[in-house]
Amino acid sequence: MDTNTPLLPQSARTQKRSALQAVWRDIKIVFRSSPVNYLAVFVPLGLFFGYSHFSDTWVFLLNFIAIIPLAAMLAYATEELADKAGSTLGGLLNATLGNAVELIVSIIALSKGQVTIVQASMLGSILSNLLLVVGFCFVAGGYNREFQRFNQTAAQTMSSLLAISCASLLIPAAFRLSLPDNNKRQDLLINEKLLELSRGTSIVLLIVYVLFLWFQLKTHHHLFEQREVETDRTVDQHTKGSKLSIKSSLAFLAGTTVLVSLCADFLVGSIDNVVASSGLSKTFIGLIIIPIVGNAAEHVTAVIVARKDKMDLALGVAIGSSLQISLFVTPFMVLVGWAIGVPMSLSFSPFETTTLFIAVFLSNYLLQDGESHWLEGAMSIVTYVLIAMAFYYLPDENTMGSLIFST
């Protein structure tokens, strides 16, 4: 009896050591899944500065950087979970959680009444993916090649869906411009009708998104097979082939979601003071700066696989993300605003809808022949830079009012 009793604590210590080793192994796998994950050192800094009520500029900056690796980890955990769920369910998981960071940031911003930030970040994510990411993919993959080829049918299908999403924003803008708002009462009536139109349009867009998923995952999945097979990640050579268990994937998914929510809360809460101190408009912050948070890891992945001449995968990441934002996240946020009593609509300014039309038109033109080269990429990047410059100088409505009053 005495000779056996020491074995019990020894066995418990062994099991504990094995469990800790497994956890450490999973942490290393996740951290090595993307080069941006080493920015995770900013997560505790961002939370500390937020809870300690430091300068809002520092709170915004640190939490902005902190969300970038968290978004990459969240995407990796989602992919690992999707791999074990089968092609159909896995595709649904990727489609639902592929833009989880944008959803979290937008829901928090909407709950704080930051409708301008939500609308601008939705539009900014679409523009950055269509112009900036696609442009860098064309440049990175085509600088040492005469041409790169990709699946023309799949690209044109996604481009057509983007045209529908563009129309869903153009119609409310045209609707508003076609009605006179000579007095406050008429303006309130127009806004009420715009909300009703936006909510109905959002339901239609969500139906279109479900139809696209059925098209992609079931009836015409062969058009997207290359993307599913070539799930290329920027992973360290020693961790390639390593997989997370379902339990580990769920744990990382839950943990990163909580951390993203905390960092996003501090990020959104500091925007007003950052706008006041920096002179930047809310529209510029939402349209140019915030989209970097959720898309940085995807941008890096798309450019890396484009350099390896896997353009179907690269375009699937960039354009697929734009589709998720335009057909799922944006209409979903309109319905969330409806549920919580915040008037979120699809009514963007004429200038914003014009820039979206330019982006969709240019991307359709560049994708129509199924080939790309580096000069086309440079054209996309230059277009994005011009749009960013215009929004930098474009004041918000409140700023415009103060400028007019001061003159």
Protein backbone atom coordinates (compact mmCIF):
# COMPACT_ATOMS: atom_id res chain seq x y z
CA MET A 1 0.00 0.00 0.00
CA ASP A 2 2.82 2.39 0.93
CA THR A 3 4.72 1.58 -2.23
CA ASN A 4 1.72 2.50 -4.41
CA THR A 5 0.67 5.80 -2.82
CA PRO A 6 3.57 7.88 -4.23
CA LEU A 7 2.53 6.85 -7.72
CA LEU A 8 -0.78 8.73 -7.51
CA PRO A 9 0.67 12.25 -7.13
CA GLN A 10 3.38 11.38 -9.67
CA SER A 11 0.68 10.34 -12.18
CA ALA A 12 -1.29 13.53 -11.49
CA ARG A 13 1.83 15.62 -12.04
CA THR A 14 2.50 13.81 -15.30
CA GLN A 15 -1.03 14.45 -16.54
CA LYS A 16 -0.81 18.10 -15.55
CA ARG A 17 2.54 18.44 -17.32
CA SER A 18 1.12 16.80 -20.45
CA ALA A 19 -1.88 19.12 -20.41
CA LEU A 20 0.36 22.18 -20.05
CA GLN A 21 2.57 20.93 -22.88
CA ALA A 22 -0.50 20.50 -25.10
CA VAL A 23 -1.67 24.02 -24.29
CA TRP A 24 1.79 25.43 -24.99
CA ARG A 25 1.91 23.51 -28.28
CA ASP A 26 -1.45 24.96 -29.34
CA ILE A 27 -0.36 28.48 -28.41
CA LYS A 28 2.79 28.11 -30.54
CA ILE A 29 0.75 26.80 -33.48
CA VAL A 30 -1.62 29.76 -33.30
CA PHE A 31 1.14 32.34 -32.87
CA ARG A 32 3.09 30.96 -35.83
CA SER A 33 0.03 30.89 -38.08
CA SER A 34 0.55 34.51 -39.18
CA PRO A 35 3.43 37.01 -38.96
CA VAL A 36 1.11 39.66 -37.51
CA ASN A 37 0.43 37.53 -34.41
CA TYR A 38 3.59 38.77 -32.72
CA LEU A 39 1.80 42.09 -32.30
CA ALA A 40 -0.16 40.34 -29.55
CA VAL A 41 2.17 41.99 -27.03
CA PHE A 42 0.00 45.09 -27.54
CA VAL A 43 -3.13 43.33 -26.23
CA PRO A 44 -2.28 43.66 -22.50
CA LEU A 45 -0.93 47.16 -23.12
CA GLY A 46 -4.14 48.25 -24.82
CA LEU A 47 -6.30 46.81 -22.05
CA PHE A 48 -4.10 48.33 -19.33
CA PHE A 49 -4.18 51.80 -20.90
CA GLY A 50 -7.94 51.50 -21.41
CA TYR A 51 -8.74 50.47 -17.84
CA SER A 52 -6.27 53.04 -16.46
CA HIS A 53 -7.96 55.91 -18.34
CA PHE A 54 -4.82 57.07 -20.12
CA SER A 55 -4.89 59.52 -23.02
CA ASP A 56 -7.56 58.54 -25.55
CA THR A 57 -5.00 58.83 -28.34
CA TRP A 58 -2.84 56.14 -26.74
CA VAL A 59 -5.88 54.02 -25.91
CA PHE A 60 -7.02 54.21 -29.53
CA LEU A 61 -3.57 53.47 -30.97
CA LEU A 62 -2.70 50.54 -28.69
CA ASN A 63 -6.08 48.84 -28.99
CA PHE A 64 -6.04 49.44 -32.74
CA ILE A 65 -2.76 47.50 -32.99
CA ALA A 66 -3.94 44.88 -30.48
CA ILE A 67 -6.99 43.90 -32.54
CA ILE A 68 -4.86 43.10 -35.62
CA PRO A 69 -3.28 39.88 -34.21
CA LEU A 70 -6.51 38.97 -32.43
CA ALA A 71 -8.30 39.09 -35.79
CA ALA A 72 -5.68 36.78 -37.29
CA MET A 73 -6.00 34.31 -34.40
CA LEU A 74 -9.78 34.41 -34.62
CA ALA A 75 -9.62 33.66 -38.34
CA TYR A 76 -7.16 30.80 -37.78
CA ALA A 77 -9.31 29.20 -35.07
CA THR A 78 -12.34 29.51 -37.35
CA GLU A 79 -10.50 27.81 -40.20
CA GLU A 80 -9.32 24.99 -37.94
CA LEU A 81 -12.87 24.46 -36.69
CA ALA A 82 -14.21 24.60 -40.24
CA ASP A 83 -11.70 21.96 -41.40
CA LYS A 84 -13.16 19.49 -38.92
CA ALA A 85 -16.78 20.33 -39.67
CA GLY A 86 -16.86 19.12 -43.26
CA SER A 87 -17.04 21.09 -46.50
CA THR A 88 -20.61 22.37 -46.20
CA LEU A 89 -20.72 23.18 -42.49
CA GLY A 90 -17.13 24.41 -42.64
CA GLY A 91 -18.04 26.74 -45.49
CA LEU A 92 -20.94 28.08 -43.46
CA LEU A 93 -18.65 28.66 -40.47
CA ASN A 94 -16.15 30.55 -42.60
CA ALA A 95 -18.95 32.54 -44.22
CA THR A 96 -20.47 33.44 -40.85
CA LEU A 97 -17.32 34.06 -38.80
CA GLY A 98 -15.01 35.18 -41.60
CA ASN A 99 -15.64 38.81 -40.70
CA ALA A 100 -16.26 38.34 -36.99
CA VAL A 101 -13.99 41.24 -36.03
CA GLU A 102 -15.90 43.67 -38.25
CA LEU A 103 -19.13 42.39 -36.72
CA ILE A 104 -17.89 42.83 -33.16
CA VAL A 105 -16.46 46.32 -33.74
CA SER A 106 -19.59 47.40 -35.63
CA ILE A 107 -22.02 46.07 -33.01
CA ILE A 108 -20.12 47.86 -30.23
CA ALA A 109 -19.95 51.07 -32.28
CA LEU A 110 -23.65 50.86 -33.12
CA SER A 111 -24.56 50.30 -29.47
CA LYS A 112 -22.69 53.55 -28.69
CA GLY A 113 -24.58 55.41 -31.41
CA GLN A 114 -21.58 55.70 -33.74
CA VAL A 115 -23.58 55.15 -36.93
CA THR A 116 -21.12 57.16 -39.04
CA ILE A 117 -18.25 54.92 -37.92
CA VAL A 118 -20.22 51.76 -38.71
CA GLN A 119 -21.25 52.91 -42.18
CA ALA A 120 -17.77 54.20 -43.01
CA SER A 121 -16.04 51.02 -41.80
CA MET A 122 -18.36 48.85 -43.91
CA LEU A 123 -17.64 50.91 -47.02
CA GLY A 124 -13.94 51.12 -46.17
CA SER A 125 -13.61 47.33 -45.86
CA ILE A 126 -15.16 46.87 -49.30
CA LEU A 127 -12.94 49.54 -50.89
CA SER A 128 -9.73 48.29 -49.28
CA ASN A 129 -10.36 44.71 -50.39
CA LEU A 130 -11.45 45.58 -53.93
CA LEU A 131 -8.76 48.15 -54.67
CA LEU A 132 -5.88 47.94 -52.22
CA VAL A 133 -5.66 44.19 -51.62
CA VAL A 134 -6.45 43.16 -55.19
CA GLY A 135 -3.97 45.77 -56.37
CA PHE A 136 -1.15 44.48 -54.17
CA CYS A 137 -1.99 40.91 -55.24
CA PHE A 138 -1.65 41.86 -58.90
CA VAL A 139 1.63 43.71 -58.25
CA ALA A 140 3.16 41.05 -55.98
CA GLY A 141 2.24 38.19 -58.28
CA GLY A 142 2.83 39.91 -61.60
CA TYR A 143 6.03 41.90 -61.18
CA ASN A 144 8.17 38.96 -62.42
CA ARG A 145 5.54 37.37 -64.67
CA GLU A 146 4.03 38.51 -67.95
CA PHE A 147 0.50 37.48 -66.93
CA GLN A 148 -1.31 35.65 -64.16
CA ARG A 149 -4.47 33.69 -64.87
CA PHE A 150 -7.44 32.94 -62.63
CA ASN A 151 -10.90 31.38 -62.84
CA GLN A 152 -12.79 33.87 -64.98
CA THR A 153 -16.25 32.44 -64.27
CA ALA A 154 -15.87 32.52 -60.48
CA ALA A 155 -14.39 36.02 -60.56
CA GLN A 156 -17.19 37.36 -62.76
CA THR A 157 -19.83 35.72 -60.56
CA MET A 158 -18.46 37.50 -57.50
CA SER A 159 -18.16 40.75 -59.46
CA SER A 160 -21.83 40.51 -60.46
CA LEU A 161 -22.81 40.08 -56.81
CA LEU A 162 -20.72 43.12 -55.93
CA ALA A 163 -22.66 45.08 -58.55
CA ILE A 164 -25.89 44.09 -56.78
CA SER A 165 -24.49 45.27 -53.44
CA CYS A 166 -23.41 48.52 -55.09
CA ALA A 167 -26.94 48.99 -56.43
CA SER A 168 -28.34 48.44 -52.93
CA LEU A 169 -26.45 51.55 -51.78
CA LEU A 170 -27.03 53.61 -54.91
CA ILE A 171 -30.81 53.19 -54.77
CA PRO A 172 -31.26 54.68 -51.24
CA ALA A 173 -28.92 57.55 -52.17
CA ALA A 174 -30.90 58.26 -55.34
CA PHE A 175 -34.15 57.88 -53.39
CA ARG A 176 -33.06 60.56 -50.94
CA LEU A 177 -31.86 62.95 -53.64
CA SER A 178 -35.12 62.60 -55.57
CA LEU A 179 -37.23 63.85 -52.66
CA PRO A 180 -37.30 67.49 -51.50
CA ASP A 181 -36.49 68.22 -47.88
CA ASN A 182 -37.56 71.83 -47.60
CA ASN A 183 -38.35 71.64 -43.92
CA LYS A 184 -37.58 69.58 -40.85
CA ARG A 185 -40.84 67.66 -41.01
CA GLN A 186 -40.17 66.53 -44.57
CA ASP A 187 -36.63 65.57 -43.62
CA LEU A 188 -37.90 63.38 -40.77
CA LEU A 189 -40.40 61.72 -43.10
CA ILE A 190 -37.69 61.03 -45.70
CA ASN A 191 -35.41 59.51 -43.05
CA GLU A 192 -38.24 57.28 -41.85
CA LYS A 193 -38.92 56.06 -45.39
CA LEU A 194 -35.19 55.51 -45.95
CA LEU A 195 -35.05 53.33 -42.84
CA GLU A 196 -37.96 51.25 -44.08
CA LEU A 197 -36.35 50.92 -47.52
CA SER A 198 -32.99 50.00 -45.98
CA ARG A 199 -34.48 47.32 -43.75
CA GLY A 200 -36.37 45.75 -46.63
CA THR A 201 -33.27 45.91 -48.83
CA SER A 202 -31.17 44.33 -46.08
CA ILE A 203 -33.49 41.33 -45.89
CA VAL A 204 -33.23 40.92 -49.67
CA LEU A 205 -29.41 41.15 -49.53
CA LEU A 206 -29.25 38.47 -46.84
CA ILE A 207 -31.38 36.22 -49.06
CA VAL A 208 -28.98 36.88 -51.95
CA TYR A 209 -26.06 35.96 -49.67
CA VAL A 210 -27.72 32.66 -48.74
CA LEU A 211 -28.27 31.94 -52.45
CA PHE A 212 -24.59 32.68 -53.13
CA LEU A 213 -23.55 30.28 -50.36
CA TRP A 214 -25.75 27.57 -51.88
CA PHE A 215 -24.18 28.30 -55.27
CA GLN A 216 -20.65 28.22 -53.85
CA LEU A 217 -20.97 25.24 -51.52
CA LYS A 218 -23.45 23.04 -53.38
CA THR A 219 -24.53 23.53 -56.97
CA HIS A 220 -21.32 25.06 -58.42
CA HIS A 221 -18.72 24.17 -55.82
CA HIS A 222 -16.34 22.97 -58.57
CA LEU A 223 -15.73 26.61 -59.51
CA PHE A 224 -14.30 27.24 -56.04
CA GLU A 225 -12.55 23.90 -55.44
CA GLN A 226 -9.05 25.28 -55.95
CA ARG A 227 -9.55 27.74 -53.11
CA GLU A 228 -10.77 25.00 -50.81
CA VAL A 229 -7.83 22.73 -51.62
CA GLU A 230 -5.19 25.45 -51.46
CA THR A 231 -5.84 26.59 -47.90
CA ASP A 232 -2.39 28.10 -47.84
CA ARG A 233 -1.48 29.89 -44.62
CA THR A 234 1.52 31.93 -43.68
CA VAL A 235 2.66 29.28 -41.21
CA ASP A 236 6.13 28.48 -39.98
CA GLN A 237 7.60 25.42 -41.66
CA HIS A 238 7.74 23.52 -38.37
CA THR A 239 4.04 24.00 -37.69
CA LYS A 240 2.70 23.19 -41.15
CA GLY A 241 0.49 20.15 -40.87
CA SER A 242 -0.10 20.78 -37.17
CA LYS A 243 -3.75 21.03 -36.25
CA LEU A 244 -5.76 22.27 -33.33
CA SER A 245 -8.31 19.98 -31.74
CA ILE A 246 -11.97 20.97 -31.75
CA LYS A 247 -11.75 21.80 -28.04
CA SER A 248 -8.67 23.97 -28.58
CA SER A 249 -10.24 25.71 -31.58
CA LEU A 250 -13.36 26.54 -29.57
CA ALA A 251 -11.25 27.76 -26.64
CA PHE A 252 -9.20 30.09 -28.85
CA LEU A 253 -12.36 31.22 -30.63
CA ALA A 254 -14.03 32.13 -27.34
CA GLY A 255 -10.92 33.71 -25.82
CA THR A 256 -10.07 35.88 -28.81
CA THR A 257 -13.71 36.95 -29.18
CA VAL A 258 -13.73 38.21 -25.59
CA LEU A 259 -10.42 40.04 -26.06
CA VAL A 260 -11.55 41.58 -29.35
CA SER A 261 -14.73 42.80 -27.65
CA LEU A 262 -12.77 44.43 -24.82
CA CYS A 263 -10.24 46.08 -27.14
CA ALA A 264 -12.99 47.18 -29.54
CA ASP A 265 -14.92 48.76 -26.68
CA PHE A 266 -11.90 50.89 -25.73
CA LEU A 267 -11.17 51.64 -29.40
CA VAL A 268 -14.69 52.88 -30.16
CA GLY A 269 -14.98 54.72 -26.85
CA SER A 270 -11.90 56.82 -27.62
CA ILE A 271 -12.88 57.85 -31.17
CA ASP A 272 -14.68 61.10 -30.28
CA ASN A 273 -11.71 62.52 -28.38
CA VAL A 274 -9.28 61.32 -31.08
CA VAL A 275 -11.37 63.15 -33.69
CA ALA A 276 -11.35 66.31 -31.55
CA SER A 277 -7.59 66.21 -30.89
CA SER A 278 -6.31 64.99 -34.28
CA GLY A 279 -8.55 66.91 -36.65
CA LEU A 280 -9.37 63.72 -38.57
CA SER A 281 -12.99 63.19 -39.49
CA LYS A 282 -15.02 60.24 -38.23
CA THR A 283 -15.59 59.21 -41.82
CA PHE A 284 -11.84 59.03 -42.52
CA ILE A 285 -11.18 57.05 -39.33
CA GLY A 286 -13.99 54.62 -40.11
CA LEU A 287 -13.32 54.31 -43.82
CA ILE A 288 -9.52 54.20 -43.99
CA ILE A 289 -8.10 53.38 -40.54
CA ILE A 290 -10.51 50.94 -38.87
CA PRO A 291 -10.73 48.49 -41.84
CA ILE A 292 -7.03 47.76 -41.31
CA VAL A 293 -7.92 46.20 -37.95
CA GLY A 294 -9.98 43.32 -39.25
CA ASN A 295 -8.34 42.85 -42.64
CA ALA A 296 -4.59 43.10 -42.03
CA ALA A 297 -4.03 39.34 -41.67
CA GLU A 298 -6.19 38.59 -44.72
CA HIS A 299 -4.28 41.21 -46.71
CA VAL A 300 -0.94 39.61 -45.87
CA THR A 301 -2.24 36.13 -46.73
CA ALA A 302 -3.69 37.25 -50.06
CA VAL A 303 -0.45 38.96 -51.15
CA ILE A 304 1.70 35.98 -50.13
CA VAL A 305 -0.38 33.45 -52.07
CA ALA A 306 -0.50 35.82 -55.06
CA ARG A 307 3.30 35.79 -55.13
CA LYS A 308 3.06 31.99 -55.34
CA ASP A 309 0.85 32.38 -58.45
CA LYS A 310 -2.28 31.14 -56.67
CA MET A 311 -4.50 33.93 -57.90
CA ASP A 312 -7.80 32.08 -57.41
CA LEU A 313 -7.03 31.79 -53.71
CA ALA A 314 -5.80 35.39 -53.46
CA LEU A 315 -8.86 36.81 -55.22
CA GLY A 316 -11.10 34.52 -53.21
CA VAL A 317 -9.74 36.05 -50.00
CA ALA A 318 -10.01 39.66 -51.20
CA ILE A 319 -13.24 39.65 -53.19
CA GLY A 320 -14.84 37.04 -50.95
CA SER A 321 -14.29 39.30 -47.95
CA SER A 322 -15.88 42.22 -49.84
CA LEU A 323 -18.90 40.06 -50.59
CA GLN A 324 -19.27 39.04 -46.95
CA ILE A 325 -19.17 42.68 -45.89
CA SER A 326 -21.59 43.94 -48.53
CA LEU A 327 -24.10 41.07 -48.58
CA PHE A 328 -23.95 39.88 -44.97
CA VAL A 329 -22.32 42.21 -42.44
CA THR A 330 -23.77 45.52 -43.68
CA PRO A 331 -27.41 44.37 -43.99
CA PHE A 332 -27.06 42.44 -40.73
CA MET A 333 -25.97 45.64 -38.98
CA VAL A 334 -29.03 47.46 -40.35
CA LEU A 335 -31.23 44.78 -38.77
CA VAL A 336 -29.23 44.93 -35.52
CA GLY A 337 -29.79 48.69 -35.42
CA TRP A 338 -33.50 48.07 -35.99
CA ALA A 339 -33.54 45.61 -33.07
CA ILE A 340 -31.76 47.92 -30.61
CA GLY A 341 -33.47 51.12 -31.72
CA VAL A 342 -30.53 52.77 -33.51
CA PRO A 343 -31.40 54.22 -36.96
CA MET A 344 -28.78 52.48 -39.11
CA SER A 345 -29.64 52.69 -42.81
CA LEU A 346 -28.09 52.00 -46.21
CA SER A 347 -28.26 55.70 -47.06
CA PHE A 348 -24.69 56.79 -47.76
CA SER A 349 -23.62 60.19 -49.03
CA PRO A 350 -23.46 60.74 -52.81
CA PHE A 351 -19.66 60.93 -52.61
CA GLU A 352 -19.43 57.62 -50.72
CA THR A 353 -21.68 55.82 -53.17
CA THR A 354 -19.69 57.30 -56.06
CA THR A 355 -16.44 55.87 -54.69
CA LEU A 356 -18.07 52.46 -54.27
CA PHE A 357 -19.34 52.58 -57.85
CA ILE A 358 -15.82 53.44 -59.07
CA ALA A 359 -14.32 50.54 -57.11
CA VAL A 360 -16.86 47.98 -58.36
CA PHE A 361 -16.63 49.26 -61.94
CA LEU A 362 -12.82 49.09 -61.95
CA SER A 363 -12.69 45.63 -60.37
CA ASN A 364 -15.25 44.30 -62.88
CA TYR A 365 -13.17 45.72 -65.72
CA LEU A 366 -9.92 44.21 -64.43
CA LEU A 367 -11.41 40.77 -63.75
CA GLN A 368 -13.41 40.30 -66.93
CA ASP A 369 -10.64 38.69 -69.03
CA GLY A 370 -9.37 36.21 -66.41
CA GLU A 371 -5.82 37.62 -66.59
CA SER A 372 -3.86 40.19 -64.61
CA HIS A 373 -0.49 41.94 -64.63
CA TRP A 374 1.33 44.31 -62.30
CA LEU A 375 0.23 47.53 -64.05
CA GLU A 376 -3.43 46.70 -63.39
CA GLY A 377 -2.51 46.30 -59.73
CA ALA A 378 -0.82 49.69 -59.73
CA MET A 379 -4.00 51.22 -61.20
CA SER A 380 -6.07 49.76 -58.35
CA ILE A 381 -3.67 51.00 -55.67
CA VAL A 382 -3.54 54.50 -57.17
CA THR A 383 -7.35 54.63 -57.26
CA TYR A 384 -7.50 53.69 -53.57
CA VAL A 385 -4.90 56.35 -52.70
CA LEU A 386 -6.92 59.01 -54.56
CA ILE A 387 -10.08 58.00 -52.69
CA ALA A 388 -8.23 58.03 -49.35
CA MET A 389 -6.86 61.51 -50.08
CA ALA A 390 -10.34 62.77 -50.94
CA PHE A 391 -11.81 61.42 -47.69
CA TYR A 392 -8.90 62.91 -45.73
CA TYR A 393 -9.90 66.39 -46.91
CA LEU A 394 -13.65 65.73 -46.78
CA PRO A 395 -15.10 67.12 -43.51
CA ASP A 396 -17.97 65.56 -41.61
CA GLU A 397 -21.35 67.33 -41.53
CA ASN A 398 -20.65 68.82 -38.09
CA THR A 399 -17.24 70.04 -39.17
CA MET A 400 -18.70 71.48 -42.36
CA GLY A 401 -21.32 73.33 -40.34
CA SER A 402 -18.70 74.88 -38.07
CA LEU A 403 -16.59 75.89 -41.08
CA ILE A 404 -19.57 77.60 -42.73
CA PHE A 405 -20.47 79.33 -39.47
CA SER A 406 -16.91 80.57 -38.95
CA THR A 407 -16.82 82.09 -42.42
